[in-house]
PDB file of all heavy atoms in Angstrom:
ATOM      1  N   ARG A   1      27.914   3.476  -1.248  1.00  0.00           N
ATOM      2  CA  ARG A   1      28.284   2.186  -1.769  1.00  0.00           C
ATOM      3  C   ARG A   1      29.843   2.146  -2.106  1.00  0.00           C
ATOM      4  O   ARG A   1      30.583   1.181  -1.820  1.00  0.00           O
ATOM      5  CB  ARG A   1      27.499   1.718  -2.947  1.00  0.00           C
ATOM      6  CG  ARG A   1      25.998   1.419  -2.693  1.00  0.00           C
ATOM      7  CD  ARG A   1      25.408   0.745  -3.858  1.00  0.00           C
ATOM      8  NE  ARG A   1      25.348   1.669  -5.070  1.00  0.00           N
ATOM      9  CZ  ARG A   1      24.382   2.484  -5.309  1.00  0.00           C
ATOM     10  NH1 ARG A   1      23.317   2.624  -4.470  1.00  0.00           N
ATOM     11  NH2 ARG A   1      24.366   3.323  -6.375  1.00  0.00           N
ATOM     12  N   GLN A   2      30.286   3.227  -2.721  1.00  0.00           N
ATOM     13  CA  GLN A   2      31.732   3.202  -3.201  1.00  0.00           C
ATOM     14  C   GLN A   2      32.605   3.346  -1.956  1.00  0.00           C
ATOM     15  O   GLN A   2      33.735   2.625  -1.898  1.00  0.00           O
ATOM     16  CB  GLN A   2      32.003   4.360  -4.046  1.00  0.00           C
ATOM     17  CG  GLN A   2      31.251   4.310  -5.429  1.00  0.00           C
ATOM     18  CD  GLN A   2      31.587   5.586  -6.210  1.00  0.00           C
ATOM     19  OE1 GLN A   2      32.633   5.769  -6.748  1.00  0.00           O
ATOM     20  NE2 GLN A   2      30.600   6.503  -6.353  1.00  0.00           N
ATOM     21  N   VAL A   3      32.274   4.116  -0.995  1.00  0.00           N
ATOM     22  CA  VAL A   3      33.130   4.253   0.260  1.00  0.00           C
ATOM     23  C   VAL A   3      33.185   2.944   1.021  1.00  0.00           C
ATOM     24  O   VAL A   3      34.231   2.666   1.536  1.00  0.00           O
ATOM     25  CB  VAL A   3      32.577   5.436   1.024  1.00  0.00           C
ATOM     26  CG1 VAL A   3      33.386   5.511   2.372  1.00  0.00           C
ATOM     27  CG2 VAL A   3      32.776   6.734   0.308  1.00  0.00           C
ATOM     28  N   ARG A   4      32.030   2.296   1.109  1.00  0.00           N
ATOM     29  CA  ARG A   4      32.049   0.987   1.874  1.00  0.00           C
ATOM     30  C   ARG A   4      32.990  -0.018   1.184  1.00  0.00           C
ATOM     31  O   ARG A   4      33.649  -0.699   1.870  1.00  0.00           O
ATOM     32  CB  ARG A   4      30.537   0.420   1.906  1.00  0.00           C
ATOM     33  CG  ARG A   4      29.614   1.100   2.839  1.00  0.00           C
ATOM     34  CD  ARG A   4      28.177   0.652   2.711  1.00  0.00           C
ATOM     35  NE  ARG A   4      27.351   1.249   3.622  1.00  0.00           N
ATOM     36  CZ  ARG A   4      26.919   0.727   4.773  1.00  0.00           C
ATOM     37  NH1 ARG A   4      27.476  -0.344   5.183  1.00  0.00           N
ATOM     38  NH2 ARG A   4      26.133   1.438   5.522  1.00  0.00           N
ATOM     39  N   GLU A   5      32.958  -0.006  -0.072  1.00  0.00           N
ATOM     40  CA  GLU A   5      33.926  -0.897  -0.805  1.00  0.00           C
ATOM     41  C   GLU A   5      35.348  -0.498  -0.628  1.00  0.00           C
ATOM     42  O   GLU A   5      36.224  -1.280  -0.424  1.00  0.00           O
ATOM     43  CB  GLU A   5      33.593  -0.920  -2.380  1.00  0.00           C
ATOM     44  CG  GLU A   5      32.310  -1.488  -2.768  1.00  0.00           C
ATOM     45  CD  GLU A   5      31.937  -1.438  -4.183  1.00  0.00           C
ATOM     46  OE1 GLU A   5      32.806  -0.881  -4.948  1.00  0.00           O
ATOM     47  OE2 GLU A   5      30.821  -1.830  -4.622  1.00  0.00           O
ATOM     48  N   LEU A   6      35.603   0.863  -0.588  1.00  0.00           N
ATOM     49  CA  LEU A   6      36.956   1.381  -0.396  1.00  0.00           C
ATOM     50  C   LEU A   6      37.569   0.976   0.949  1.00  0.00           C
ATOM     51  O   LEU A   6      38.612   0.539   1.010  1.00  0.00           O
ATOM     52  CB  LEU A   6      36.991   2.905  -0.596  1.00  0.00           C
ATOM     53  CG  LEU A   6      38.262   3.570  -0.556  1.00  0.00           C
ATOM     54  CD1 LEU A   6      38.268   4.878  -1.376  1.00  0.00           C
ATOM     55  CD2 LEU A   6      38.667   3.965   0.915  1.00  0.00           C
ATOM     56  N   VAL A   7      36.784   1.035   1.949  1.00  0.00           N
ATOM     57  CA  VAL A   7      37.300   0.809   3.332  1.00  0.00           C
ATOM     58  C   VAL A   7      37.069  -0.674   3.726  1.00  0.00           C
ATOM     59  O   VAL A   7      37.652  -1.042   4.762  1.00  0.00           O
ATOM     60  CB  VAL A   7      36.632   1.751   4.312  1.00  0.00           C
ATOM     61  CG1 VAL A   7      36.828   3.199   4.026  1.00  0.00           C
ATOM     62  CG2 VAL A   7      35.151   1.509   4.560  1.00  0.00           C
ATOM     63  N   SER A   8      36.408  -1.504   2.927  1.00  0.00           N
ATOM     64  CA  SER A   8      36.062  -2.752   3.488  1.00  0.00           C
ATOM     65  C   SER A   8      37.280  -3.648   3.724  1.00  0.00           C
ATOM     66  O   SER A   8      37.272  -4.480   4.588  1.00  0.00           O
ATOM     67  CB  SER A   8      35.216  -3.588   2.379  1.00  0.00           C
ATOM     68  OG  SER A   8      35.817  -3.666   1.178  1.00  0.00           O
ATOM     69  N   ALA A   9      38.381  -3.496   2.918  1.00  0.00           N
ATOM     70  CA  ALA A   9      39.575  -4.338   3.147  1.00  0.00           C
ATOM     71  C   ALA A   9      40.609  -3.739   4.064  1.00  0.00           C
ATOM     72  O   ALA A   9      41.682  -4.223   4.218  1.00  0.00           O
ATOM     73  CB  ALA A   9      40.195  -4.761   1.825  1.00  0.00           C
ATOM     74  N   ARG A  10      40.377  -2.544   4.449  1.00  0.00           N
ATOM     75  CA  ARG A  10      41.373  -1.815   5.319  1.00  0.00           C
ATOM     76  C   ARG A  10      41.320  -2.230   6.781  1.00  0.00           C
ATOM     77  O   ARG A  10      40.305  -2.806   7.277  1.00  0.00           O
ATOM     78  CB  ARG A  10      41.181  -0.327   5.199  1.00  0.00           C
ATOM     79  CG  ARG A  10      41.395   0.223   3.743  1.00  0.00           C
ATOM     80  CD  ARG A  10      41.573   1.737   3.786  1.00  0.00           C
ATOM     81  NE  ARG A  10      42.734   2.147   4.541  1.00  0.00           N
ATOM     82  CZ  ARG A  10      43.963   2.119   3.982  1.00  0.00           C
ATOM     83  NH1 ARG A  10      44.155   1.699   2.792  1.00  0.00           N
ATOM     84  NH2 ARG A  10      44.970   2.563   4.692  1.00  0.00           N
ATOM     85  N   ARG A  11      42.409  -1.967   7.402  1.00  0.00           N
ATOM     86  CA  ARG A  11      42.565  -2.142   8.868  1.00  0.00           C
ATOM     87  C   ARG A  11      43.001  -0.798   9.408  1.00  0.00           C
ATOM     88  O   ARG A  11      43.881  -0.137   8.865  1.00  0.00           O
ATOM     89  CB  ARG A  11      43.521  -3.199   9.239  1.00  0.00           C
ATOM     90  CG  ARG A  11      43.134  -4.594   8.783  1.00  0.00           C
ATOM     91  CD  ARG A  11      44.154  -5.669   9.135  1.00  0.00           C
ATOM     92  NE  ARG A  11      44.172  -5.900  10.513  1.00  0.00           N
ATOM     93  CZ  ARG A  11      43.307  -6.788  11.114  1.00  0.00           C
ATOM     94  NH1 ARG A  11      42.441  -7.354  10.384  1.00  0.00           N
ATOM     95  NH2 ARG A  11      43.468  -7.046  12.434  1.00  0.00           N
ATOM     96  N   ILE A  12      42.365  -0.344  10.577  1.00  0.00           N
ATOM     97  CA  ILE A  12      42.811   0.812  11.187  1.00  0.00           C
ATOM     98  C   ILE A  12      43.281   0.461  12.624  1.00  0.00           C
ATOM     99  O   ILE A  12      42.499  -0.153  13.369  1.00  0.00           O
ATOM    100  CB  ILE A  12      41.663   1.833  11.255  1.00  0.00           C
ATOM    101  CG1 ILE A  12      40.359   1.231  11.728  1.00  0.00           C
ATOM    102  CG2 ILE A  12      41.440   2.514   9.977  1.00  0.00           C
ATOM    103  CD1 ILE A  12      39.263   2.272  11.958  1.00  0.00           C
ATOM    104  N   GLY A  13      44.473   0.828  12.920  1.00  0.00           N
ATOM    105  CA  GLY A  13      44.973   0.538  14.279  1.00  0.00           C
ATOM    106  C   GLY A  13      45.050  -0.927  14.489  1.00  0.00           C
ATOM    107  O   GLY A  13      44.813  -1.390  15.661  1.00  0.00           O
ATOM    108  N   GLY A  14      45.235  -1.786  13.416  1.00  0.00           N
ATOM    109  CA  GLY A  14      45.387  -3.176  13.623  1.00  0.00           C
ATOM    110  C   GLY A  14      43.988  -3.886  13.809  1.00  0.00           C
ATOM    111  O   GLY A  14      43.911  -5.053  14.024  1.00  0.00           O
ATOM    112  N   LYS A  15      42.911  -3.079  13.620  1.00  0.00           N
ATOM    113  CA  LYS A  15      41.568  -3.633  13.805  1.00  0.00           C
ATOM    114  C   LYS A  15      40.820  -3.583  12.395  1.00  0.00           C
ATOM    115  O   LYS A  15      40.899  -2.589  11.642  1.00  0.00           O
ATOM    116  CB  LYS A  15      40.755  -2.886  14.780  1.00  0.00           C
ATOM    117  CG  LYS A  15      41.325  -3.025  16.178  1.00  0.00           C
ATOM    118  CD  LYS A  15      40.418  -2.365  17.255  1.00  0.00           C
ATOM    119  CE  LYS A  15      41.033  -2.469  18.627  1.00  0.00           C
ATOM    120  NZ  LYS A  15      40.261  -1.847  19.742  1.00  0.00           N
ATOM    121  N   ALA A  16      40.035  -4.594  12.066  1.00  0.00           N
ATOM    122  CA  ALA A  16      39.429  -4.724  10.776  1.00  0.00           C
ATOM    123  C   ALA A  16      38.286  -3.752  10.762  1.00  0.00           C
ATOM    124  O   ALA A  16      37.449  -3.615  11.721  1.00  0.00           O
ATOM    125  CB  ALA A  16      38.885  -6.078  10.587  1.00  0.00           C
ATOM    126  N   VAL A  17      38.113  -3.006   9.741  1.00  0.00           N
ATOM    127  CA  VAL A  17      37.014  -2.051   9.480  1.00  0.00           C
ATOM    128  C   VAL A  17      35.629  -2.715   9.424  1.00  0.00           C
ATOM    129  O   VAL A  17      34.641  -2.297   9.909  1.00  0.00           O
ATOM    130  CB  VAL A  17      37.239  -1.219   8.263  1.00  0.00           C
ATOM    131  CG1 VAL A  17      35.940  -0.374   7.914  1.00  0.00           C
ATOM    132  CG2 VAL A  17      38.388  -0.235   8.385  1.00  0.00           C
ATOM    133  N   GLU A  18      35.708  -4.014   8.975  1.00  0.00           N
ATOM    134  CA  GLU A  18      34.444  -4.818   8.820  1.00  0.00           C
ATOM    135  C   GLU A  18      33.730  -4.973  10.189  1.00  0.00           C
ATOM    136  O   GLU A  18      32.537  -4.873  10.231  1.00  0.00           O
ATOM    137  CB  GLU A  18      34.768  -6.140   8.203  1.00  0.00           C
ATOM    138  CG  GLU A  18      34.969  -6.183   6.770  1.00  0.00           C
ATOM    139  CD  GLU A  18      33.771  -5.746   5.900  1.00  0.00           C
ATOM    140  OE1 GLU A  18      32.658  -6.211   6.282  1.00  0.00           O
ATOM    141  OE2 GLU A  18      33.925  -4.885   5.082  1.00  0.00           O
ATOM    142  N   ARG A  19      34.519  -5.107  11.247  1.00  0.00           N
ATOM    143  CA  ARG A  19      33.830  -5.280  12.500  1.00  0.00           C
ATOM    144  C   ARG A  19      33.160  -3.993  12.994  1.00  0.00           C
ATOM    145  O   ARG A  19      31.982  -4.095  13.424  1.00  0.00           O
ATOM    146  CB  ARG A  19      34.950  -5.685  13.631  1.00  0.00           C
ATOM    147  CG  ARG A  19      34.381  -5.811  15.049  1.00  0.00           C
ATOM    148  CD  ARG A  19      33.300  -6.805  15.163  1.00  0.00           C
ATOM    149  NE  ARG A  19      32.721  -6.871  16.474  1.00  0.00           N
ATOM    150  CZ  ARG A  19      33.171  -7.617  17.464  1.00  0.00           C
ATOM    151  NH1 ARG A  19      34.275  -8.377  17.275  1.00  0.00           N
ATOM    152  NH2 ARG A  19      32.611  -7.601  18.646  1.00  0.00           N
ATOM    153  N   PHE A  20      33.812  -2.915  12.766  1.00  0.00           N
ATOM    154  CA  PHE A  20      33.209  -1.579  13.113  1.00  0.00           C
ATOM    155  C   PHE A  20      31.897  -1.371  12.283  1.00  0.00           C
ATOM    156  O   PHE A  20      30.925  -0.996  12.749  1.00  0.00           O
ATOM    157  CB  PHE A  20      34.216  -0.444  12.797  1.00  0.00           C
ATOM    158  CG  PHE A  20      33.610   0.967  12.819  1.00  0.00           C
ATOM    159  CD1 PHE A  20      33.034   1.472  13.969  1.00  0.00           C
ATOM    160  CD2 PHE A  20      33.581   1.678  11.634  1.00  0.00           C
ATOM    161  CE1 PHE A  20      32.486   2.714  13.912  1.00  0.00           C
ATOM    162  CE2 PHE A  20      33.039   2.919  11.606  1.00  0.00           C
ATOM    163  CZ  PHE A  20      32.491   3.487  12.766  1.00  0.00           C
ATOM    164  N   ARG A  21      31.967  -1.704  10.968  1.00  0.00           N
ATOM    165  CA  ARG A  21      30.839  -1.487  10.144  1.00  0.00           C
ATOM    166  C   ARG A  21      29.651  -2.406  10.536  1.00  0.00           C
ATOM    167  O   ARG A  21      28.554  -2.003  10.558  1.00  0.00           O
ATOM    168  CB  ARG A  21      31.212  -1.850   8.718  1.00  0.00           C
ATOM    169  CG  ARG A  21      31.895  -0.749   7.995  1.00  0.00           C
ATOM    170  CD  ARG A  21      32.223  -1.052   6.556  1.00  0.00           C
ATOM    171  NE  ARG A  21      31.090  -1.649   5.855  1.00  0.00           N
ATOM    172  CZ  ARG A  21      31.160  -2.285   4.652  1.00  0.00           C
ATOM    173  NH1 ARG A  21      32.323  -2.357   4.038  1.00  0.00           N
ATOM    174  NH2 ARG A  21      30.149  -2.784   4.131  1.00  0.00           N
ATOM    175  N   ALA A  22      29.975  -3.604  10.986  1.00  0.00           N
ATOM    176  CA  ALA A  22      28.921  -4.503  11.356  1.00  0.00           C
ATOM    177  C   ALA A  22      28.278  -4.006  12.713  1.00  0.00           C
ATOM    178  O   ALA A  22      27.138  -4.053  12.850  1.00  0.00           O
ATOM    179  CB  ALA A  22      29.524  -5.892  11.666  1.00  0.00           C
ATOM    180  N   ASP A  23      29.109  -3.482  13.650  1.00  0.00           N
ATOM    181  CA  ASP A  23      28.537  -2.878  14.862  1.00  0.00           C
ATOM    182  C   ASP A  23      27.732  -1.763  14.547  1.00  0.00           C
ATOM    183  O   ASP A  23      26.573  -1.542  15.096  1.00  0.00           O
ATOM    184  CB  ASP A  23      29.719  -2.520  15.779  1.00  0.00           C
ATOM    185  CG  ASP A  23      30.489  -3.652  16.399  1.00  0.00           C
ATOM    186  OD1 ASP A  23      29.930  -4.779  16.522  1.00  0.00           O
ATOM    187  OD2 ASP A  23      31.583  -3.498  16.780  1.00  0.00           O
ATOM    188  N   LEU A  24      28.146  -0.814  13.671  1.00  0.00           N
ATOM    189  CA  LEU A  24      27.437   0.353  13.347  1.00  0.00           C
ATOM    190  C   LEU A  24      26.036   0.042  12.610  1.00  0.00           C
ATOM    191  O   LEU A  24      25.009   0.567  12.906  1.00  0.00           O
ATOM    192  CB  LEU A  24      28.237   1.226  12.435  1.00  0.00           C
ATOM    193  CG  LEU A  24      27.621   2.623  12.065  1.00  0.00           C
ATOM    194  CD1 LEU A  24      27.405   3.462  13.418  1.00  0.00           C
ATOM    195  CD2 LEU A  24      28.476   3.446  11.089  1.00  0.00           C
ATOM    196  N   ASP A  25      26.161  -0.962  11.712  1.00  0.00           N
ATOM    197  CA  ASP A  25      24.894  -1.317  11.009  1.00  0.00           C
ATOM    198  C   ASP A  25      23.916  -1.950  11.979  1.00  0.00           C
ATOM    199  O   ASP A  25      22.639  -1.841  11.756  1.00  0.00           O
ATOM    200  CB  ASP A  25      25.251  -2.375   9.873  1.00  0.00           C
ATOM    201  CG  ASP A  25      25.928  -1.715   8.658  1.00  0.00           C
ATOM    202  OD1 ASP A  25      25.866  -0.415   8.666  1.00  0.00           O
ATOM    203  OD2 ASP A  25      26.499  -2.412   7.771  1.00  0.00           O
ATOM    204  N   ALA A  26      24.374  -2.625  13.033  1.00  0.00           N
ATOM    205  CA  ALA A  26      23.432  -3.138  14.001  1.00  0.00           C
ATOM    206  C   ALA A  26      22.762  -1.930  14.819  1.00  0.00           C
ATOM    207  O   ALA A  26      21.527  -2.194  15.211  1.00  0.00           O
ATOM    208  CB  ALA A  26      24.143  -4.048  15.019  1.00  0.00           C
ATOM    209  N   VAL A  27      23.412  -0.936  15.001  1.00  0.00           N
ATOM    210  CA  VAL A  27      22.864   0.165  15.723  1.00  0.00           C
ATOM    211  C   VAL A  27      21.965   1.053  14.765  1.00  0.00           C
ATOM    212  O   VAL A  27      20.969   1.607  15.094  1.00  0.00           O
ATOM    213  CB  VAL A  27      23.972   1.058  16.329  1.00  0.00           C
ATOM    214  CG1 VAL A  27      23.441   2.294  16.997  1.00  0.00           C
ATOM    215  CG2 VAL A  27      24.776   0.264  17.366  1.00  0.00           C
TER     216      VAL A  27
END
């Protein structure tokens, strides 16, 4: 829970982490 909060507002390589998390949670 803490790590999800930590990375939620970050961007990596110009891409939002939220999109990656949503894709991963779907899988």
